[in-house]
Amino acid sequence: MSDSSTPVDRAALRKALRERRAALPAVERIAAAQAVVAQLEQVPEFMTDRRIGGYWAVDGELPLAALMGGLRARDQQYFLPVIGADRLLRFAPWRPGTAVETNRFGIPEPACAAADLLAPADIDVVLVPLLGFDRKGHRLGFGGGWYDRSFAFLAGRADVGKPVLVGVGYALQEIDALDAQPWDVRLDYVATERELLDFTAPVASL
């Protein structure tokens, strides 16, 4: 794909990627969601760590329901993001059947007491929705900046820490190169129905 992304054309790129994703047939969405499970199972922390943060799929995002059986079998906890008044994310425990409330952006969130919310640093692995990604671990989000603000403490880290950030999406969301901004937080992995991209290896110095 020959998209370019500079600060002046990000809005147009978001629109094009959203339209492309929306055009994906339902049968292909279901197949992709199943295939992504196998890719995520190659991430060591996803298989062994306790607290897994996900998202409630909206606007054509890749659904994560296929993960739930494996998480239960491994006795892992699943969390969904809650957007705070300070525009930062916290994470609420969720399982099928848990009551949800729609937030001001139209996204369902668990109906959860504030005392039960976890800070971003307390989650082990976070599955991050995206509109686009490149092969350097850069993510194009929806423009709200929630993930970049919430995980800003990870920016510039030299190695993989906690939480591990795994972008999740369809292969058709790949772009050639994304002009990263100073506030962008790099992903550790990207999982699509075709492959798992691993960005955790240290870059060799010349």
N, C-alpha and C. Protein backbone atom coordinates (compact mmCIF):
# COMPACT_ATOMS: atom_id res chain seq x y z
N MET A 1 0.84 -1.20 0.00
CA MET A 1 0.00 0.00 0.00
C MET A 1 0.87 1.24 0.00
N SER A 2 0.50 2.21 -0.79
CA SER A 2 1.38 3.35 -0.99
C SER A 2 0.86 4.61 -0.33
N ASP A 3 0.23 4.48 0.84
CA ASP A 3 -0.20 5.67 1.57
C ASP A 3 1.00 6.37 2.17
N SER A 4 0.94 7.66 2.27
CA SER A 4 1.91 8.42 3.05
C SER A 4 1.14 9.10 4.15
N SER A 5 1.83 9.41 5.24
CA SER A 5 1.14 10.06 6.36
C SER A 5 2.00 11.17 6.91
N THR A 6 1.59 12.40 6.68
CA THR A 6 2.23 13.56 7.27
C THR A 6 1.18 14.25 8.12
N PRO A 7 1.61 15.15 9.00
CA PRO A 7 0.62 15.79 9.87
C PRO A 7 -0.54 16.43 9.12
N VAL A 8 -0.30 16.94 7.88
CA VAL A 8 -1.37 17.64 7.18
C VAL A 8 -2.37 16.70 6.53
N ASP A 9 -2.03 15.43 6.31
CA ASP A 9 -2.95 14.54 5.62
C ASP A 9 -3.47 13.41 6.51
N ARG A 10 -3.25 13.48 7.80
CA ARG A 10 -3.70 12.40 8.67
C ARG A 10 -5.22 12.26 8.68
N ALA A 11 -5.93 13.36 8.63
CA ALA A 11 -7.39 13.29 8.62
C ALA A 11 -7.89 12.55 7.38
N ALA A 12 -7.30 12.87 6.23
CA ALA A 12 -7.70 12.19 5.00
C ALA A 12 -7.33 10.71 5.04
N LEU A 13 -6.17 10.41 5.61
CA LEU A 13 -5.75 9.01 5.71
C LEU A 13 -6.68 8.24 6.64
N ARG A 14 -7.05 8.83 7.76
CA ARG A 14 -8.00 8.18 8.66
C ARG A 14 -9.31 7.87 7.95
N LYS A 15 -9.80 8.82 7.19
CA LYS A 15 -11.06 8.63 6.46
C LYS A 15 -10.94 7.48 5.47
N ALA A 16 -9.84 7.44 4.71
CA ALA A 16 -9.65 6.39 3.72
C ALA A 16 -9.54 5.01 4.38
N LEU A 17 -8.80 4.94 5.48
CA LEU A 17 -8.63 3.66 6.16
C LEU A 17 -9.93 3.19 6.81
N ARG A 18 -10.70 4.12 7.35
CA ARG A 18 -11.99 3.75 7.94
C ARG A 18 -12.93 3.21 6.86
N GLU A 19 -12.95 3.84 5.70
CA GLU A 19 -13.80 3.38 4.61
C GLU A 19 -13.36 2.01 4.11
N ARG A 20 -12.07 1.80 4.01
CA ARG A 20 -11.55 0.51 3.56
C ARG A 20 -11.95 -0.59 4.54
N ARG A 21 -11.80 -0.31 5.81
CA ARG A 21 -12.16 -1.30 6.82
C ARG A 21 -13.66 -1.59 6.81
N ALA A 22 -14.47 -0.55 6.64
CA ALA A 22 -15.92 -0.72 6.64
C ALA A 22 -16.39 -1.58 5.47
N ALA A 23 -15.62 -1.59 4.38
CA ALA A 23 -16.01 -2.35 3.20
C ALA A 23 -15.70 -3.84 3.32
N LEU A 24 -15.01 -4.25 4.38
CA LEU A 24 -14.65 -5.66 4.54
C LEU A 24 -15.90 -6.48 4.82
N PRO A 25 -16.18 -7.54 4.04
CA PRO A 25 -17.38 -8.35 4.25
C PRO A 25 -17.39 -9.01 5.62
N ALA A 26 -18.58 -9.24 6.16
CA ALA A 26 -18.72 -9.81 7.50
C ALA A 26 -18.03 -11.16 7.61
N VAL A 27 -18.11 -11.99 6.59
CA VAL A 27 -17.49 -13.31 6.66
C VAL A 27 -15.98 -13.20 6.79
N GLU A 28 -15.38 -12.19 6.15
CA GLU A 28 -13.94 -11.99 6.27
C GLU A 28 -13.56 -11.43 7.63
N ARG A 29 -14.43 -10.63 8.22
CA ARG A 29 -14.18 -10.13 9.58
C ARG A 29 -14.12 -11.28 10.58
N ILE A 30 -15.08 -12.19 10.46
CA ILE A 30 -15.14 -13.33 11.38
C ILE A 30 -13.91 -14.20 11.22
N ALA A 31 -13.53 -14.49 9.97
CA ALA A 31 -12.34 -15.31 9.73
C ALA A 31 -11.08 -14.63 10.25
N ALA A 32 -10.98 -13.32 10.06
CA ALA A 32 -9.81 -12.58 10.54
C ALA A 32 -9.73 -12.61 12.06
N ALA A 33 -10.87 -12.47 12.72
CA ALA A 33 -10.87 -12.49 14.18
C ALA A 33 -10.37 -13.82 14.72
N GLN A 34 -10.75 -14.91 14.07
CA GLN A 34 -10.26 -16.23 14.49
C GLN A 34 -8.76 -16.36 14.23
N ALA A 35 -8.30 -15.86 13.08
CA ALA A 35 -6.88 -15.98 12.74
C ALA A 35 -6.00 -15.15 13.65
N VAL A 36 -6.49 -14.01 14.10
CA VAL A 36 -5.70 -13.15 14.98
C VAL A 36 -5.41 -13.83 16.31
N VAL A 37 -6.31 -14.68 16.77
CA VAL A 37 -6.07 -15.41 18.02
C VAL A 37 -4.76 -16.19 17.93
N ALA A 38 -4.56 -16.88 16.82
CA ALA A 38 -3.32 -17.67 16.65
C ALA A 38 -2.09 -16.78 16.64
N GLN A 39 -2.20 -15.59 16.07
CA GLN A 39 -1.06 -14.67 16.06
C GLN A 39 -0.77 -14.16 17.47
N LEU A 40 -1.81 -13.81 18.21
CA LEU A 40 -1.60 -13.32 19.58
C LEU A 40 -1.00 -14.39 20.47
N GLU A 41 -1.30 -15.64 20.21
CA GLU A 41 -0.77 -16.72 21.03
C GLU A 41 0.73 -16.91 20.84
N GLN A 42 1.33 -16.19 19.89
CA GLN A 42 2.79 -16.19 19.74
C GLN A 42 3.47 -15.14 20.63
N VAL A 43 2.68 -14.27 21.25
CA VAL A 43 3.22 -13.26 22.16
C VAL A 43 3.36 -13.90 23.53
N PRO A 44 4.59 -14.08 24.03
CA PRO A 44 4.76 -14.81 25.30
C PRO A 44 3.94 -14.25 26.45
N GLU A 45 3.94 -12.94 26.60
CA GLU A 45 3.23 -12.32 27.72
C GLU A 45 1.72 -12.52 27.62
N PHE A 46 1.21 -12.58 26.41
CA PHE A 46 -0.23 -12.80 26.23
C PHE A 46 -0.65 -14.17 26.76
N MET A 47 0.25 -15.13 26.68
CA MET A 47 -0.06 -16.49 27.11
C MET A 47 0.17 -16.70 28.60
N THR A 48 1.02 -15.89 29.22
CA THR A 48 1.43 -16.18 30.59
C THR A 48 1.01 -15.13 31.61
N ASP A 49 0.85 -13.89 31.20
CA ASP A 49 0.57 -12.83 32.16
C ASP A 49 -0.92 -12.80 32.53
N ARG A 50 -1.19 -12.17 33.64
CA ARG A 50 -2.51 -12.29 34.27
C ARG A 50 -3.54 -11.31 33.73
N ARG A 51 -3.17 -10.06 33.58
CA ARG A 51 -4.13 -9.00 33.26
C ARG A 51 -4.01 -8.57 31.80
N ILE A 52 -5.06 -8.84 31.04
CA ILE A 52 -5.08 -8.54 29.61
C ILE A 52 -6.10 -7.44 29.35
N GLY A 53 -5.65 -6.33 28.80
CA GLY A 53 -6.54 -5.24 28.43
C GLY A 53 -6.94 -5.35 26.96
N GLY A 54 -8.20 -5.21 26.68
CA GLY A 54 -8.68 -5.27 25.30
C GLY A 54 -9.46 -4.02 24.94
N TYR A 55 -10.46 -4.18 24.10
CA TYR A 55 -11.33 -3.06 23.72
C TYR A 55 -12.66 -3.62 23.25
N TRP A 56 -13.67 -2.79 23.29
CA TRP A 56 -14.99 -3.13 22.76
C TRP A 56 -15.00 -2.67 21.31
N ALA A 57 -15.07 -3.59 20.37
CA ALA A 57 -14.94 -3.24 18.95
C ALA A 57 -16.12 -2.39 18.48
N VAL A 58 -15.80 -1.25 17.88
CA VAL A 58 -16.80 -0.35 17.30
C VAL A 58 -16.28 0.11 15.94
N ASP A 59 -17.18 0.59 15.11
CA ASP A 59 -16.80 1.22 13.84
C ASP A 59 -15.94 0.30 12.97
N GLY A 60 -16.25 -1.00 12.98
CA GLY A 60 -15.54 -1.93 12.11
C GLY A 60 -14.24 -2.46 12.65
N GLU A 61 -13.90 -2.16 13.91
CA GLU A 61 -12.67 -2.69 14.50
C GLU A 61 -12.72 -4.22 14.56
N LEU A 62 -11.55 -4.83 14.55
CA LEU A 62 -11.48 -6.28 14.62
C LEU A 62 -12.01 -6.74 15.98
N PRO A 63 -13.05 -7.60 16.00
CA PRO A 63 -13.64 -8.03 17.28
C PRO A 63 -12.74 -9.02 18.01
N LEU A 64 -12.85 -9.01 19.34
CA LEU A 64 -11.97 -9.83 20.18
C LEU A 64 -12.70 -10.95 20.90
N ALA A 65 -13.97 -11.19 20.57
CA ALA A 65 -14.74 -12.21 21.28
C ALA A 65 -14.09 -13.59 21.20
N ALA A 66 -13.39 -13.88 20.11
CA ALA A 66 -12.77 -15.19 19.93
C ALA A 66 -11.67 -15.46 20.94
N LEU A 67 -11.20 -14.42 21.63
CA LEU A 67 -10.13 -14.60 22.63
C LEU A 67 -10.64 -15.16 23.94
N MET A 68 -11.92 -14.99 24.22
CA MET A 68 -12.41 -15.19 25.57
C MET A 68 -12.24 -16.62 26.08
N GLY A 69 -12.44 -17.60 25.23
CA GLY A 69 -12.29 -18.99 25.67
C GLY A 69 -10.89 -19.29 26.15
N GLY A 70 -9.88 -18.84 25.42
CA GLY A 70 -8.50 -19.06 25.81
C GLY A 70 -8.14 -18.34 27.09
N LEU A 71 -8.63 -17.12 27.25
CA LEU A 71 -8.36 -16.37 28.48
C LEU A 71 -8.94 -17.09 29.69
N ARG A 72 -10.16 -17.59 29.56
CA ARG A 72 -10.76 -18.32 30.68
C ARG A 72 -9.98 -19.59 30.99
N ALA A 73 -9.55 -20.30 29.94
CA ALA A 73 -8.82 -21.54 30.16
C ALA A 73 -7.49 -21.30 30.86
N ARG A 74 -6.88 -20.15 30.63
CA ARG A 74 -5.60 -19.82 31.27
C ARG A 74 -5.80 -19.02 32.57
N ASP A 75 -7.03 -18.85 32.98
CA ASP A 75 -7.36 -18.14 34.22
C ASP A 75 -6.82 -16.72 34.21
N GLN A 76 -6.95 -16.06 33.06
CA GLN A 76 -6.52 -14.67 32.93
C GLN A 76 -7.71 -13.73 33.11
N GLN A 77 -7.43 -12.51 33.52
CA GLN A 77 -8.45 -11.49 33.69
C GLN A 77 -8.47 -10.59 32.46
N TYR A 78 -9.67 -10.20 32.05
CA TYR A 78 -9.84 -9.35 30.87
C TYR A 78 -10.39 -8.00 31.32
N PHE A 79 -9.84 -6.94 30.75
CA PHE A 79 -10.21 -5.58 31.13
C PHE A 79 -10.55 -4.77 29.89
N LEU A 80 -11.49 -3.84 30.04
CA LEU A 80 -11.85 -2.92 28.98
C LEU A 80 -11.53 -1.49 29.41
N PRO A 81 -11.16 -0.63 28.46
CA PRO A 81 -10.81 0.75 28.81
C PRO A 81 -12.03 1.59 29.17
N VAL A 82 -11.83 2.49 30.10
CA VAL A 82 -12.82 3.48 30.51
C VAL A 82 -12.15 4.85 30.38
N ILE A 83 -12.79 5.76 29.67
CA ILE A 83 -12.22 7.09 29.44
C ILE A 83 -12.60 8.01 30.60
N GLY A 84 -11.60 8.52 31.30
CA GLY A 84 -11.85 9.39 32.44
C GLY A 84 -12.08 10.83 32.04
N ALA A 85 -12.55 11.62 33.00
CA ALA A 85 -12.77 13.05 32.75
C ALA A 85 -11.47 13.76 32.42
N ASP A 86 -10.35 13.19 32.85
CA ASP A 86 -9.03 13.76 32.55
C ASP A 86 -8.49 13.30 31.20
N ARG A 87 -9.33 12.58 30.43
CA ARG A 87 -9.00 12.09 29.08
C ARG A 87 -7.90 11.02 29.12
N LEU A 88 -7.76 10.37 30.25
CA LEU A 88 -6.85 9.23 30.38
C LEU A 88 -7.66 7.96 30.53
N LEU A 89 -7.08 6.84 30.13
CA LEU A 89 -7.74 5.55 30.23
C LEU A 89 -7.48 4.90 31.58
N ARG A 90 -8.50 4.29 32.14
CA ARG A 90 -8.36 3.29 33.19
C ARG A 90 -8.96 2.01 32.66
N PHE A 91 -8.77 0.93 33.37
CA PHE A 91 -9.23 -0.37 32.87
C PHE A 91 -10.13 -1.05 33.89
N ALA A 92 -11.29 -1.49 33.40
CA ALA A 92 -12.30 -2.11 34.25
C ALA A 92 -12.41 -3.60 33.92
N PRO A 93 -12.52 -4.46 34.93
CA PRO A 93 -12.69 -5.89 34.66
C PRO A 93 -14.00 -6.15 33.91
N TRP A 94 -13.95 -7.10 32.98
CA TRP A 94 -15.14 -7.42 32.20
C TRP A 94 -15.13 -8.89 31.84
N ARG A 95 -16.31 -9.46 31.82
CA ARG A 95 -16.52 -10.81 31.29
C ARG A 95 -17.88 -10.82 30.61
N PRO A 96 -18.15 -11.76 29.71
CA PRO A 96 -19.46 -11.80 29.05
C PRO A 96 -20.59 -11.76 30.07
N GLY A 97 -21.54 -10.87 29.85
CA GLY A 97 -22.66 -10.71 30.77
C GLY A 97 -22.53 -9.53 31.71
N THR A 98 -21.31 -8.98 31.83
CA THR A 98 -21.11 -7.80 32.68
C THR A 98 -21.85 -6.60 32.09
N ALA A 99 -22.53 -5.85 32.94
CA ALA A 99 -23.27 -4.67 32.49
C ALA A 99 -22.32 -3.62 31.92
N VAL A 100 -22.75 -2.95 30.86
CA VAL A 100 -21.96 -1.88 30.27
C VAL A 100 -22.82 -0.63 30.13
N GLU A 101 -22.16 0.51 30.04
CA GLU A 101 -22.80 1.79 29.80
C GLU A 101 -22.11 2.45 28.62
N THR A 102 -22.86 3.16 27.79
CA THR A 102 -22.28 3.84 26.63
C THR A 102 -21.73 5.19 27.06
N ASN A 103 -20.46 5.44 26.74
CA ASN A 103 -19.85 6.71 27.13
C ASN A 103 -20.22 7.82 26.14
N ARG A 104 -19.69 9.00 26.36
CA ARG A 104 -20.06 10.16 25.54
C ARG A 104 -19.59 10.05 24.10
N PHE A 105 -18.73 9.08 23.82
CA PHE A 105 -18.26 8.86 22.45
C PHE A 105 -18.99 7.69 21.78
N GLY A 106 -19.99 7.13 22.47
CA GLY A 106 -20.75 6.02 21.91
C GLY A 106 -20.09 4.67 22.06
N ILE A 107 -19.09 4.57 22.94
CA ILE A 107 -18.36 3.32 23.14
C ILE A 107 -18.82 2.68 24.45
N PRO A 108 -19.23 1.41 24.43
CA PRO A 108 -19.62 0.74 25.66
C PRO A 108 -18.44 0.58 26.62
N GLU A 109 -18.71 0.84 27.91
CA GLU A 109 -17.73 0.67 28.97
C GLU A 109 -18.37 -0.12 30.11
N PRO A 110 -17.61 -0.94 30.83
CA PRO A 110 -18.18 -1.66 31.98
C PRO A 110 -18.73 -0.68 33.02
N ALA A 111 -19.88 -1.03 33.57
CA ALA A 111 -20.43 -0.26 34.69
C ALA A 111 -19.68 -0.68 35.94
N CYS A 112 -18.70 0.11 36.33
CA CYS A 112 -17.72 -0.32 37.33
C CYS A 112 -17.47 0.80 38.33
N ALA A 113 -17.33 0.44 39.59
CA ALA A 113 -16.98 1.41 40.62
C ALA A 113 -15.56 1.91 40.40
N ALA A 114 -15.34 3.17 40.73
CA ALA A 114 -14.02 3.77 40.53
C ALA A 114 -12.93 2.99 41.26
N ALA A 115 -13.27 2.42 42.40
CA ALA A 115 -12.28 1.67 43.18
C ALA A 115 -11.80 0.41 42.48
N ASP A 116 -12.58 -0.07 41.50
CA ASP A 116 -12.22 -1.30 40.79
C ASP A 116 -11.43 -1.04 39.51
N LEU A 117 -11.21 0.22 39.17
CA LEU A 117 -10.48 0.56 37.96
C LEU A 117 -8.98 0.44 38.19
N LEU A 118 -8.28 -0.04 37.16
CA LEU A 118 -6.82 -0.15 37.22
C LEU A 118 -6.17 0.92 36.36
N ALA A 119 -5.03 1.41 36.81
CA ALA A 119 -4.25 2.36 36.01
C ALA A 119 -3.58 1.62 34.85
N PRO A 120 -3.23 2.32 33.77
CA PRO A 120 -2.58 1.67 32.64
C PRO A 120 -1.34 0.87 33.03
N ALA A 121 -0.56 1.36 33.98
CA ALA A 121 0.67 0.67 34.38
C ALA A 121 0.40 -0.66 35.08
N ASP A 122 -0.85 -0.89 35.50
CA ASP A 122 -1.18 -2.12 36.22
C ASP A 122 -1.64 -3.24 35.31
N ILE A 123 -1.78 -2.97 34.01
CA ILE A 123 -2.17 -3.99 33.04
C ILE A 123 -0.90 -4.63 32.48
N ASP A 124 -0.94 -5.93 32.25
CA ASP A 124 0.25 -6.63 31.74
C ASP A 124 0.39 -6.54 30.23
N VAL A 125 -0.70 -6.77 29.52
CA VAL A 125 -0.71 -6.73 28.05
C VAL A 125 -1.94 -5.93 27.63
N VAL A 126 -1.75 -5.00 26.70
CA VAL A 126 -2.86 -4.19 26.20
C VAL A 126 -3.01 -4.42 24.70
N LEU A 127 -4.19 -4.86 24.29
CA LEU A 127 -4.52 -5.01 22.88
C LEU A 127 -5.10 -3.68 22.42
N VAL A 128 -4.41 -3.04 21.49
CA VAL A 128 -4.69 -1.64 21.14
C VAL A 128 -5.38 -1.59 19.77
N PRO A 129 -6.57 -0.99 19.69
CA PRO A 129 -7.21 -0.83 18.38
C PRO A 129 -6.47 0.23 17.57
N LEU A 130 -6.63 0.17 16.26
CA LEU A 130 -5.92 1.12 15.40
C LEU A 130 -6.65 1.29 14.08
N LEU A 131 -6.34 2.38 13.41
CA LEU A 131 -6.80 2.60 12.05
C LEU A 131 -5.73 2.23 11.05
N GLY A 132 -4.46 2.43 11.40
CA GLY A 132 -3.36 2.11 10.51
C GLY A 132 -2.11 1.80 11.30
N PHE A 133 -1.18 1.13 10.65
CA PHE A 133 0.11 0.80 11.28
C PHE A 133 1.16 0.65 10.19
N ASP A 134 2.43 0.81 10.59
CA ASP A 134 3.51 0.53 9.66
C ASP A 134 4.42 -0.54 10.25
N ARG A 135 5.48 -0.87 9.54
CA ARG A 135 6.35 -1.96 9.96
C ARG A 135 7.49 -1.50 10.87
N LYS A 136 7.30 -0.33 11.47
CA LYS A 136 8.24 0.14 12.49
C LYS A 136 7.57 0.25 13.85
N GLY A 137 6.33 -0.21 13.94
CA GLY A 137 5.62 -0.18 15.21
C GLY A 137 4.85 1.10 15.47
N HIS A 138 4.71 1.94 14.44
CA HIS A 138 3.95 3.17 14.60
C HIS A 138 2.47 2.91 14.32
N ARG A 139 1.64 3.56 15.08
CA ARG A 139 0.19 3.36 15.01
C ARG A 139 -0.51 4.66 14.66
N LEU A 140 -1.49 4.57 13.77
CA LEU A 140 -2.39 5.68 13.51
C LEU A 140 -3.69 5.37 14.22
N GLY A 141 -4.01 6.18 15.23
CA GLY A 141 -5.24 5.98 15.98
C GLY A 141 -6.37 6.83 15.44
N PHE A 142 -7.34 7.10 16.29
CA PHE A 142 -8.55 7.77 15.85
C PHE A 142 -8.48 9.28 16.03
N GLY A 143 -7.38 9.77 16.59
CA GLY A 143 -7.21 11.20 16.72
C GLY A 143 -7.53 11.74 18.10
N GLY A 144 -8.04 10.89 18.99
CA GLY A 144 -8.37 11.35 20.34
C GLY A 144 -7.17 11.42 21.26
N GLY A 145 -6.13 10.65 20.96
CA GLY A 145 -4.92 10.68 21.76
C GLY A 145 -5.00 9.94 23.08
N TRP A 146 -6.05 9.15 23.30
CA TRP A 146 -6.24 8.50 24.59
C TRP A 146 -5.12 7.53 24.92
N TYR A 147 -4.75 6.71 23.96
CA TYR A 147 -3.71 5.71 24.24
C TYR A 147 -2.35 6.37 24.38
N ASP A 148 -2.05 7.33 23.54
CA ASP A 148 -0.75 8.00 23.64
C ASP A 148 -0.60 8.73 24.97
N ARG A 149 -1.65 9.40 25.41
CA ARG A 149 -1.58 10.08 26.71
C ARG A 149 -1.47 9.08 27.86
N SER A 150 -2.27 8.03 27.78
CA SER A 150 -2.35 7.08 28.90
C SER A 150 -1.08 6.26 29.05
N PHE A 151 -0.38 6.02 27.94
CA PHE A 151 0.83 5.20 27.99
C PHE A 151 2.09 6.02 27.69
N ALA A 152 2.01 7.32 27.90
CA ALA A 152 3.15 8.19 27.64
C ALA A 152 4.37 7.80 28.47
N PHE A 153 4.14 7.17 29.61
CA PHE A 153 5.27 6.76 30.47
C PHE A 153 6.13 5.68 29.82
N LEU A 154 5.62 5.06 28.73
CA LEU A 154 6.40 4.04 28.02
C LEU A 154 7.26 4.63 26.91
N ALA A 155 7.05 5.87 26.54
CA ALA A 155 7.76 6.47 25.41
C ALA A 155 9.26 6.49 25.67
N GLY A 156 10.02 6.09 24.66
CA GLY A 156 11.46 6.13 24.75
C GLY A 156 12.10 5.01 25.53
N ARG A 157 11.33 4.04 25.96
CA ARG A 157 11.93 2.93 26.72
C ARG A 157 12.88 2.15 25.83
N ALA A 158 13.91 1.60 26.41
CA ALA A 158 14.94 0.89 25.65
C ALA A 158 14.59 -0.58 25.44
N ASP A 159 13.72 -1.14 26.26
CA ASP A 159 13.38 -2.55 26.11
C ASP A 159 11.91 -2.74 26.43
N VAL A 160 11.45 -3.99 26.33
CA VAL A 160 10.05 -4.28 26.56
C VAL A 160 9.77 -4.25 28.06
N GLY A 161 8.82 -3.44 28.46
CA GLY A 161 8.41 -3.40 29.86
C GLY A 161 6.95 -3.77 29.98
N LYS A 162 6.32 -3.29 31.01
CA LYS A 162 4.90 -3.53 31.21
C LYS A 162 4.18 -2.19 31.22
N PRO A 163 3.05 -2.14 30.59
CA PRO A 163 2.44 -3.22 29.82
C PRO A 163 3.05 -3.39 28.43
N VAL A 164 2.88 -4.57 27.88
CA VAL A 164 3.24 -4.84 26.49
C VAL A 164 2.08 -4.36 25.62
N LEU A 165 2.39 -3.56 24.61
CA LEU A 165 1.36 -2.99 23.73
C LEU A 165 1.31 -3.75 22.42
N VAL A 166 0.15 -4.32 22.12
CA VAL A 166 -0.04 -5.11 20.91
C VAL A 166 -1.14 -4.47 20.07
N GLY A 167 -0.77 -3.88 18.95
CA GLY A 167 -1.77 -3.35 18.04
C GLY A 167 -2.52 -4.49 17.37
N VAL A 168 -3.82 -4.34 17.21
CA VAL A 168 -4.66 -5.39 16.62
C VAL A 168 -5.48 -4.78 15.49
N GLY A 169 -5.43 -5.41 14.33
CA GLY A 169 -6.20 -4.92 13.20
C GLY A 169 -6.14 -5.87 12.03
N TYR A 170 -6.67 -5.41 10.92
CA TYR A 170 -6.66 -6.19 9.68
C TYR A 170 -5.42 -5.86 8.87
N ALA A 171 -4.97 -6.82 8.07
CA ALA A 171 -3.78 -6.60 7.25
C ALA A 171 -3.97 -5.41 6.30
N LEU A 172 -5.19 -5.18 5.85
CA LEU A 172 -5.44 -4.08 4.91
C LEU A 172 -5.25 -2.70 5.55
N GLN A 173 -5.01 -2.66 6.86
CA GLN A 173 -4.78 -1.38 7.53
C GLN A 173 -3.31 -0.97 7.53
N GLU A 174 -2.45 -1.81 6.95
CA GLU A 174 -1.03 -1.46 6.89
C GLU A 174 -0.79 -0.31 5.93
N ILE A 175 0.08 0.61 6.32
CA ILE A 175 0.50 1.71 5.45
C ILE A 175 2.02 1.65 5.31
N ASP A 176 2.54 2.25 4.26
CA ASP A 176 3.97 2.14 3.98
C ASP A 176 4.83 2.75 5.07
N ALA A 177 4.49 3.93 5.49
CA ALA A 177 5.28 4.61 6.52
C ALA A 177 4.42 5.65 7.18
N LEU A 178 4.56 5.77 8.48
CA LEU A 178 3.80 6.74 9.25
C LEU A 178 4.77 7.75 9.84
N ASP A 179 4.50 9.00 9.59
CA ASP A 179 5.34 10.08 10.12
C ASP A 179 5.03 10.23 11.61
N ALA A 180 5.84 9.58 12.45
CA ALA A 180 5.57 9.55 13.88
C ALA A 180 5.70 10.94 14.50
N GLN A 181 4.81 11.23 15.42
CA GLN A 181 4.83 12.48 16.15
C GLN A 181 5.56 12.29 17.49
N PRO A 182 6.05 13.37 18.11
CA PRO A 182 6.81 13.22 19.36
C PRO A 182 6.03 12.53 20.47
N TRP A 183 4.71 12.66 20.46
CA TRP A 183 3.88 12.08 21.53
C TRP A 183 3.43 10.65 21.22
N ASP A 184 3.72 10.14 20.02
CA ASP A 184 3.27 8.79 19.66
C ASP A 184 4.02 7.74 20.47
N VAL A 185 3.29 6.78 21.00
CA VAL A 185 3.88 5.67 21.75
C VAL A 185 3.97 4.47 20.81
N ARG A 186 5.16 3.93 20.67
CA ARG A 186 5.41 2.83 19.73
C ARG A 186 4.86 1.52 20.28
N LEU A 187 4.35 0.69 19.37
CA LEU A 187 3.83 -0.62 19.73
C LEU A 187 4.96 -1.63 19.85
N ASP A 188 4.74 -2.66 20.67
CA ASP A 188 5.69 -3.77 20.77
C ASP A 188 5.43 -4.82 19.71
N TYR A 189 4.17 -5.00 19.36
CA TYR A 189 3.76 -5.97 18.34
C TYR A 189 2.57 -5.39 17.58
N VAL A 190 2.34 -5.94 16.39
CA VAL A 190 1.07 -5.77 15.69
C VAL A 190 0.61 -7.15 15.23
N ALA A 191 -0.63 -7.48 15.56
CA ALA A 191 -1.21 -8.76 15.16
C ALA A 191 -2.31 -8.51 14.14
N THR A 192 -2.19 -9.15 12.97
CA THR A 192 -3.26 -9.16 11.98
C THR A 192 -3.60 -10.62 11.67
N GLU A 193 -4.58 -10.81 10.80
CA GLU A 193 -4.95 -12.18 10.43
C GLU A 193 -3.84 -12.89 9.65
N ARG A 194 -2.88 -12.14 9.12
CA ARG A 194 -1.82 -12.74 8.31
C ARG A 194 -0.53 -13.01 9.05
N GLU A 195 -0.23 -12.18 10.05
CA GLU A 195 1.09 -12.29 10.68
C GLU A 195 1.13 -11.56 12.01
N LEU A 196 2.21 -11.84 12.74
CA LEU A 196 2.54 -11.09 13.95
C LEU A 196 3.83 -10.34 13.68
N LEU A 197 3.78 -9.03 13.77
CA LEU A 197 4.97 -8.20 13.62
C LEU A 197 5.55 -7.94 15.00
N ASP A 198 6.83 -8.23 15.16
CA ASP A 198 7.51 -8.13 16.45
C ASP A 198 8.51 -6.98 16.40
N PHE A 199 8.29 -5.97 17.22
CA PHE A 199 9.17 -4.80 17.27
C PHE A 199 9.99 -4.75 18.55
N THR A 200 10.09 -5.88 19.25
CA THR A 200 10.75 -5.88 20.55
C THR A 200 12.25 -6.09 20.47
N ALA A 201 12.75 -6.55 19.34
CA ALA A 201 14.19 -6.78 19.22
C ALA A 201 14.93 -5.45 19.25
N PRO A 202 16.03 -5.34 19.99
CA PRO A 202 16.78 -4.08 20.01
C PRO A 202 17.36 -3.77 18.64
N VAL A 203 17.40 -2.50 18.31
CA VAL A 203 17.96 -2.07 17.03
C VAL A 203 19.48 -2.02 17.15
N ALA A 204 20.16 -2.72 16.25
CA ALA A 204 21.63 -2.75 16.30
C ALA A 204 22.19 -1.38 15.94
N SER A 205 23.17 -0.94 16.69
CA SER A 205 23.81 0.34 16.40
C SER A 205 24.90 0.14 15.36
N LEU A 206 25.08 1.14 14.51
CA LEU A 206 26.07 1.04 13.43
C LEU A 206 27.41 1.59 13.88
